Amino acid sequence: MRYTKLALLIFGFGLVLGLVAVVAEIKLLERVASGAMALGIVAIPIGILTDLRRRLTGRFGGARRRVKAPVRRVSGAGAAAAQIGQDEAIA
């Protein structure tokens, strides 16, 4: 519930900021508090879905990508011999 907690924390911060703005009668702070609360409310369902996806992916293993084998590079005299061998195979 990592992201859900973060969304609730943002909403709670906006709520406390709104309380301070109303008590101190600061108009600009009321706008900031309102924005923080709105952001928190919008982020709550997104956080729930993200946490659910992380939990399900961890439980069922999720889709794993295949790792490509590293490209083999031959250096030195072996490279020249490999090139000659390729040339003969082509001809």
N, C-alpha and C. Protein backbone atom coordinates (compact mmCIF):
# COMPACT_ATOMS: atom_id res chain seq x y z
N MET A 1 0.82 -1.19 0.00
CA MET A 1 0.00 0.00 0.00
C MET A 1 0.86 1.26 0.00
N ARG A 2 1.96 1.16 -0.68
CA ARG A 2 2.94 2.24 -0.72
C ARG A 2 2.37 3.51 -1.35
N TYR A 3 1.78 3.38 -2.53
CA TYR A 3 1.30 4.56 -3.26
C TYR A 3 -0.01 5.08 -2.68
N THR A 4 -0.82 4.21 -2.14
CA THR A 4 -2.07 4.66 -1.51
C THR A 4 -1.75 5.50 -0.27
N LYS A 5 -0.78 5.07 0.49
CA LYS A 5 -0.38 5.85 1.67
C LYS A 5 0.13 7.23 1.28
N LEU A 6 0.88 7.28 0.19
CA LEU A 6 1.40 8.56 -0.28
C LEU A 6 0.25 9.49 -0.70
N ALA A 7 -0.75 8.94 -1.39
CA ALA A 7 -1.90 9.75 -1.80
C ALA A 7 -2.68 10.25 -0.58
N LEU A 8 -2.86 9.41 0.41
CA LEU A 8 -3.56 9.82 1.62
C LEU A 8 -2.76 10.87 2.40
N LEU A 9 -1.44 10.74 2.36
CA LEU A 9 -0.58 11.73 3.02
C LEU A 9 -0.71 13.10 2.34
N ILE A 10 -0.77 13.11 1.02
CA ILE A 10 -0.94 14.38 0.29
C ILE A 10 -2.29 14.99 0.62
N PHE A 11 -3.34 14.16 0.64
CA PHE A 11 -4.67 14.67 0.97
C PHE A 11 -4.70 15.22 2.40
N GLY A 12 -4.11 14.51 3.34
CA GLY A 12 -4.06 14.96 4.73
C GLY A 12 -3.28 16.25 4.90
N PHE A 13 -2.19 16.38 4.14
CA PHE A 13 -1.42 17.62 4.18
C PHE A 13 -2.26 18.79 3.69
N GLY A 14 -3.02 18.57 2.62
CA GLY A 14 -3.90 19.62 2.12
C GLY A 14 -4.99 19.98 3.11
N LEU A 15 -5.49 18.98 3.82
CA LEU A 15 -6.53 19.21 4.82
C LEU A 15 -6.00 20.07 5.97
N VAL A 16 -4.84 19.73 6.46
CA VAL A 16 -4.23 20.51 7.55
C VAL A 16 -3.89 21.92 7.06
N LEU A 17 -3.37 22.00 5.86
CA LEU A 17 -3.03 23.31 5.29
C LEU A 17 -4.29 24.16 5.12
N GLY A 18 -5.39 23.52 4.74
CA GLY A 18 -6.65 24.24 4.62
C GLY A 18 -7.14 24.75 5.96
N LEU A 19 -7.00 23.96 7.00
CA LEU A 19 -7.40 24.39 8.34
C LEU A 19 -6.58 25.61 8.78
N VAL A 20 -5.27 25.55 8.52
CA VAL A 20 -4.40 26.67 8.87
C VAL A 20 -4.78 27.91 8.07
N ALA A 21 -5.11 27.72 6.79
CA ALA A 21 -5.47 28.86 5.94
C ALA A 21 -6.77 29.52 6.39
N VAL A 22 -7.74 28.71 6.83
CA VAL A 22 -9.01 29.27 7.28
C VAL A 22 -8.83 30.01 8.60
N VAL A 23 -8.06 29.44 9.51
CA VAL A 23 -7.85 30.07 10.81
C VAL A 23 -7.06 31.37 10.65
N ALA A 24 -6.02 31.34 9.80
CA ALA A 24 -5.17 32.52 9.63
C ALA A 24 -5.73 33.48 8.57
N GLU A 25 -6.76 33.06 7.86
CA GLU A 25 -7.41 33.86 6.82
C GLU A 25 -6.42 34.31 5.74
N ILE A 26 -5.72 33.33 5.18
CA ILE A 26 -4.77 33.58 4.10
C ILE A 26 -5.38 33.03 2.81
N LYS A 27 -5.75 33.90 1.89
CA LYS A 27 -6.44 33.50 0.67
C LYS A 27 -5.56 32.64 -0.25
N LEU A 28 -4.31 33.02 -0.41
CA LEU A 28 -3.43 32.27 -1.30
C LEU A 28 -3.21 30.84 -0.79
N LEU A 29 -3.08 30.70 0.52
CA LEU A 29 -2.87 29.39 1.11
C LEU A 29 -4.11 28.50 0.96
N GLU A 30 -5.30 29.11 0.88
CA GLU A 30 -6.52 28.34 0.66
C GLU A 30 -6.49 27.67 -0.71
N ARG A 31 -5.99 28.37 -1.72
CA ARG A 31 -5.88 27.79 -3.07
C ARG A 31 -4.90 26.63 -3.10
N VAL A 32 -3.77 26.81 -2.44
CA VAL A 32 -2.76 25.75 -2.40
C VAL A 32 -3.31 24.52 -1.67
N ALA A 33 -4.00 24.75 -0.57
CA ALA A 33 -4.58 23.65 0.19
C ALA A 33 -5.64 22.92 -0.62
N SER A 34 -6.46 23.69 -1.33
CA SER A 34 -7.49 23.09 -2.18
C SER A 34 -6.86 22.24 -3.28
N GLY A 35 -5.79 22.72 -3.88
CA GLY A 35 -5.08 21.96 -4.91
C GLY A 35 -4.47 20.68 -4.38
N ALA A 36 -3.90 20.75 -3.17
CA ALA A 36 -3.30 19.56 -2.56
C ALA A 36 -4.36 18.52 -2.24
N MET A 37 -5.51 18.96 -1.74
CA MET A 37 -6.60 18.01 -1.46
C MET A 37 -7.13 17.38 -2.74
N ALA A 38 -7.28 18.20 -3.79
CA ALA A 38 -7.76 17.66 -5.06
C ALA A 38 -6.77 16.65 -5.64
N LEU A 39 -5.49 16.97 -5.55
CA LEU A 39 -4.46 16.05 -6.03
C LEU A 39 -4.50 14.74 -5.25
N GLY A 40 -4.67 14.83 -3.93
CA GLY A 40 -4.75 13.63 -3.11
C GLY A 40 -5.96 12.77 -3.45
N ILE A 41 -7.10 13.42 -3.69
CA ILE A 41 -8.31 12.66 -4.03
C ILE A 41 -8.16 11.96 -5.37
N VAL A 42 -7.55 12.64 -6.34
CA VAL A 42 -7.33 12.02 -7.65
C VAL A 42 -6.30 10.90 -7.56
N ALA A 43 -5.31 11.05 -6.70
CA ALA A 43 -4.23 10.07 -6.60
C ALA A 43 -4.62 8.81 -5.84
N ILE A 44 -5.66 8.85 -5.04
CA ILE A 44 -6.04 7.68 -4.24
C ILE A 44 -6.41 6.48 -5.12
N PRO A 45 -7.33 6.59 -6.09
CA PRO A 45 -7.63 5.42 -6.91
C PRO A 45 -6.45 4.95 -7.76
N ILE A 46 -5.64 5.91 -8.22
CA ILE A 46 -4.45 5.53 -8.99
C ILE A 46 -3.49 4.74 -8.11
N GLY A 47 -3.32 5.18 -6.87
CA GLY A 47 -2.46 4.47 -5.93
C GLY A 47 -2.98 3.09 -5.60
N ILE A 48 -4.29 2.95 -5.44
CA ILE A 48 -4.87 1.65 -5.15
C ILE A 48 -4.62 0.69 -6.31
N LEU A 49 -4.86 1.15 -7.54
CA LEU A 49 -4.64 0.29 -8.70
C LEU A 49 -3.17 -0.09 -8.86
N THR A 50 -2.28 0.86 -8.61
CA THR A 50 -0.85 0.58 -8.71
C THR A 50 -0.41 -0.41 -7.65
N ASP A 51 -0.88 -0.25 -6.43
CA ASP A 51 -0.53 -1.19 -5.37
C ASP A 51 -1.08 -2.58 -5.66
N LEU A 52 -2.30 -2.64 -6.20
CA LEU A 52 -2.90 -3.93 -6.54
C LEU A 52 -2.10 -4.62 -7.63
N ARG A 53 -1.68 -3.86 -8.63
CA ARG A 53 -0.90 -4.44 -9.72
C ARG A 53 0.45 -4.96 -9.21
N ARG A 54 1.09 -4.18 -8.33
CA ARG A 54 2.38 -4.63 -7.78
C ARG A 54 2.21 -5.90 -6.96
N ARG A 55 1.11 -5.99 -6.20
CA ARG A 55 0.87 -7.17 -5.38
C ARG A 55 0.61 -8.41 -6.25
N LEU A 56 -0.20 -8.24 -7.28
CA LEU A 56 -0.51 -9.37 -8.15
C LEU A 56 0.70 -9.81 -8.96
N THR A 57 1.49 -8.86 -9.42
CA THR A 57 2.70 -9.19 -10.17
C THR A 57 3.69 -9.94 -9.28
N GLY A 58 3.80 -9.53 -8.04
CA GLY A 58 4.71 -10.21 -7.12
C GLY A 58 4.24 -11.60 -6.76
N ARG A 59 2.93 -11.79 -6.67
CA ARG A 59 2.39 -13.08 -6.27
C ARG A 59 2.47 -14.11 -7.40
N PHE A 60 2.13 -13.69 -8.60
CA PHE A 60 2.06 -14.64 -9.71
C PHE A 60 3.30 -14.63 -10.60
N GLY A 61 4.26 -13.82 -10.28
CA GLY A 61 5.51 -13.82 -11.03
C GLY A 61 5.53 -12.88 -12.20
N GLY A 62 4.40 -12.55 -12.75
CA GLY A 62 4.34 -11.60 -13.85
C GLY A 62 5.02 -12.11 -15.11
N ALA A 63 5.03 -11.31 -16.11
CA ALA A 63 5.69 -11.66 -17.37
C ALA A 63 7.17 -11.37 -17.24
N ARG A 64 7.95 -12.36 -17.49
CA ARG A 64 9.40 -12.18 -17.41
C ARG A 64 9.97 -12.10 -18.81
N ARG A 65 10.85 -11.18 -18.99
CA ARG A 65 11.45 -11.00 -20.30
C ARG A 65 12.69 -11.88 -20.43
N ARG A 66 12.87 -12.39 -21.62
CA ARG A 66 14.05 -13.19 -21.87
C ARG A 66 15.25 -12.27 -22.03
N VAL A 67 16.34 -12.69 -21.48
CA VAL A 67 17.57 -11.90 -21.58
C VAL A 67 18.34 -12.39 -22.79
N LYS A 68 18.70 -11.45 -23.64
CA LYS A 68 19.47 -11.82 -24.82
C LYS A 68 20.90 -12.16 -24.42
N ALA A 69 21.46 -13.13 -25.14
CA ALA A 69 22.85 -13.50 -24.89
C ALA A 69 23.74 -12.37 -25.40
N PRO A 70 24.82 -12.09 -24.70
CA PRO A 70 25.71 -11.02 -25.16
C PRO A 70 26.35 -11.39 -26.50
N VAL A 71 26.63 -10.38 -27.30
CA VAL A 71 27.24 -10.58 -28.61
C VAL A 71 28.69 -11.00 -28.40
N ARG A 72 29.07 -12.09 -29.06
CA ARG A 72 30.45 -12.57 -28.94
C ARG A 72 31.32 -11.85 -29.94
N ARG A 73 32.37 -11.29 -29.47
CA ARG A 73 33.30 -10.59 -30.34
C ARG A 73 34.66 -11.28 -30.25
N VAL A 74 35.20 -11.56 -31.41
CA VAL A 74 36.50 -12.21 -31.46
C VAL A 74 37.53 -11.14 -31.80
N SER A 75 38.64 -11.15 -31.09
CA SER A 75 39.65 -10.12 -31.34
C SER A 75 40.98 -10.77 -31.70
N GLY A 76 41.85 -10.00 -32.28
CA GLY A 76 43.20 -10.47 -32.58
C GLY A 76 43.26 -11.39 -33.78
N ALA A 77 44.15 -12.40 -33.72
CA ALA A 77 44.37 -13.33 -34.84
C ALA A 77 43.12 -14.18 -35.08
N GLY A 78 42.41 -14.46 -34.06
CA GLY A 78 41.19 -15.26 -34.21
C GLY A 78 40.15 -14.55 -35.06
N ALA A 79 40.13 -13.22 -35.00
CA ALA A 79 39.17 -12.45 -35.79
C ALA A 79 39.48 -12.57 -37.27
N ALA A 80 40.75 -12.52 -37.61
CA ALA A 80 41.15 -12.64 -39.01
C ALA A 80 40.81 -14.03 -39.53
N ALA A 81 41.07 -15.06 -38.73
CA ALA A 81 40.77 -16.43 -39.14
C ALA A 81 39.27 -16.63 -39.28
N ALA A 82 38.49 -16.04 -38.40
CA ALA A 82 37.04 -16.15 -38.48
C ALA A 82 36.52 -15.45 -39.72
N GLN A 83 37.13 -14.32 -40.07
CA GLN A 83 36.72 -13.59 -41.27
C GLN A 83 37.02 -14.40 -42.52
N ILE A 84 38.19 -15.05 -42.55
CA ILE A 84 38.57 -15.87 -43.71
C ILE A 84 37.59 -17.04 -43.82
N GLY A 85 37.25 -17.64 -42.68
CA GLY A 85 36.31 -18.76 -42.69
C GLY A 85 34.94 -18.34 -43.20
N GLN A 86 34.50 -17.14 -42.87
CA GLN A 86 33.21 -16.65 -43.35
C GLN A 86 33.27 -16.38 -44.83
N ASP A 87 34.37 -15.85 -45.31
CA ASP A 87 34.52 -15.56 -46.74
C ASP A 87 34.46 -16.84 -47.55
N GLU A 88 35.10 -17.91 -47.05
CA GLU A 88 35.09 -19.19 -47.75
C GLU A 88 33.71 -19.81 -47.76
N ALA A 89 32.96 -19.61 -46.66
CA ALA A 89 31.61 -20.18 -46.58
C ALA A 89 30.67 -19.47 -47.54
N ILE A 90 30.90 -18.20 -47.78
CA ILE A 90 30.05 -17.44 -48.68
C ILE A 90 30.31 -17.85 -50.13
N ALA A 91 31.60 -18.06 -50.46
CA ALA A 91 31.97 -18.38 -51.85
C ALA A 91 31.67 -19.80 -52.17
